[in-house]
Protein backbone atom coordinates (compact mmCIF):
# COMPACT_ATOMS: atom_id res chain seq x y z
CA MET A 1 9.04 5.91 1.99
CA ALA A 2 8.22 4.75 -1.37
CA PRO A 3 9.17 1.17 -2.66
CA ARG A 4 12.28 0.66 -4.29
CA ILE A 5 13.86 -1.56 -6.57
CA THR A 6 17.46 -2.71 -5.01
CA GLY A 7 18.31 -5.99 -6.92
CA ARG A 8 17.42 -8.19 -10.05
CA ARG A 9 17.78 -11.46 -11.99
CA GLU A 10 18.18 -12.38 -14.87
CA SER A 11 17.76 -15.04 -17.57
CA PRO A 12 20.42 -16.10 -19.86
CA THR A 13 19.16 -14.11 -22.52
CA GLY A 14 19.73 -11.00 -19.93
CA GLY A 15 16.09 -10.05 -19.36
CA ASN A 16 15.15 -9.30 -16.27
CA THR A 17 13.42 -12.35 -14.54
CA HIS A 18 13.06 -11.34 -10.95
CA TYR A 19 13.15 -7.99 -9.44
CA ARG A 20 14.16 -7.09 -5.41
CA ILE A 21 11.85 -4.72 -4.10
CA ASP A 22 11.82 -3.40 -0.58
CA GLY A 23 14.25 -7.07 -0.08
CA LYS A 24 11.67 -9.75 -1.49
CA ILE A 25 11.74 -11.44 -4.65
CA VAL A 26 9.02 -10.81 -7.35
CA PRO A 27 8.22 -12.58 -10.14
CA ARG A 28 8.78 -9.83 -13.43
CA ALA A 29 5.13 -9.51 -13.67
CA ASP A 30 3.66 -8.87 -10.43
CA ALA A 31 6.10 -6.26 -10.09
CA VAL A 32 4.81 -4.82 -13.83
CA SER A 33 1.21 -4.94 -11.93
CA ARG A 34 1.82 -3.29 -8.95
CA CYS A 35 4.08 -0.28 -11.36
CA LYS A 36 0.53 -0.69 -12.94
CA ASP A 37 -1.55 0.14 -10.21
CA GLY A 38 0.59 3.17 -8.42
CA LYS A 39 2.56 1.04 -5.84
CA LEU A 40 6.28 1.84 -7.36
CA PRO A 41 6.50 5.68 -8.31
CA GLY A 42 9.65 6.57 -10.18
CA TYR A 43 9.42 3.48 -12.30
CA HIS A 44 6.95 2.81 -15.21
CA ILE A 45 7.15 0.19 -18.43
CA VAL A 46 9.19 -0.39 -21.21
CA LYS A 47 8.57 -3.36 -23.61
CA VAL A 48 11.48 -5.02 -24.66
CA GLU A 49 10.68 -7.51 -28.14
CA GLY A 50 6.73 -7.48 -26.70
CA LYS A 51 7.50 -8.06 -22.98
CA PRO A 52 6.52 -5.95 -20.21
CA TYR A 53 9.92 -4.92 -18.38
CA LEU A 54 10.15 -2.33 -15.57
CA ARG A 55 12.11 0.86 -15.79
CA ASP A 56 13.35 3.61 -13.50
CA ASN A 57 12.19 6.80 -14.50
CA PRO A 58 15.21 8.78 -15.77
CA ASP A 59 17.26 10.90 -14.15
CA ASN A 60 20.82 12.02 -13.98
CA ARG A 61 21.91 9.12 -12.53
CA LYS A 62 22.73 5.70 -12.69
CA LYS A 63 23.19 4.49 -9.53
CA ASP A 64 19.94 3.66 -9.63
CA ASN A 65 19.36 2.46 -12.68
CA ILE A 66 17.93 -1.33 -12.32
CA ASP A 67 20.46 -2.63 -14.71
CA SER A 68 23.02 -1.42 -12.31
CA GLN A 69 21.41 -2.71 -8.97
CA PRO A 70 23.16 -6.17 -8.55
CA LYS A 71 22.23 -9.85 -9.31
CA VAL A 72 20.02 -12.12 -6.97
C-alpha cells in the first residue's frame, strides 16, 4: 500500500511543519525529499512564499486533502 499522510503539525502562522506519514511524524523537509524521490505517490510539491510544501494530487474528494487531516 502507498504511504498516506494522515496528520499534520502547523506553525503558529499556519504553515505545515511536519506530516504524519504511516503513523510517524516526519519533518516537512524530509517529507518533501520523499516526494521528490517518488516515495509519496498521490502527492506533489508546491512552493508557498519560496518554501516547499506537500499537497495531495487533485481529485473530487476533500476529506483526503492534507489540510483536512487532523493536527498532531
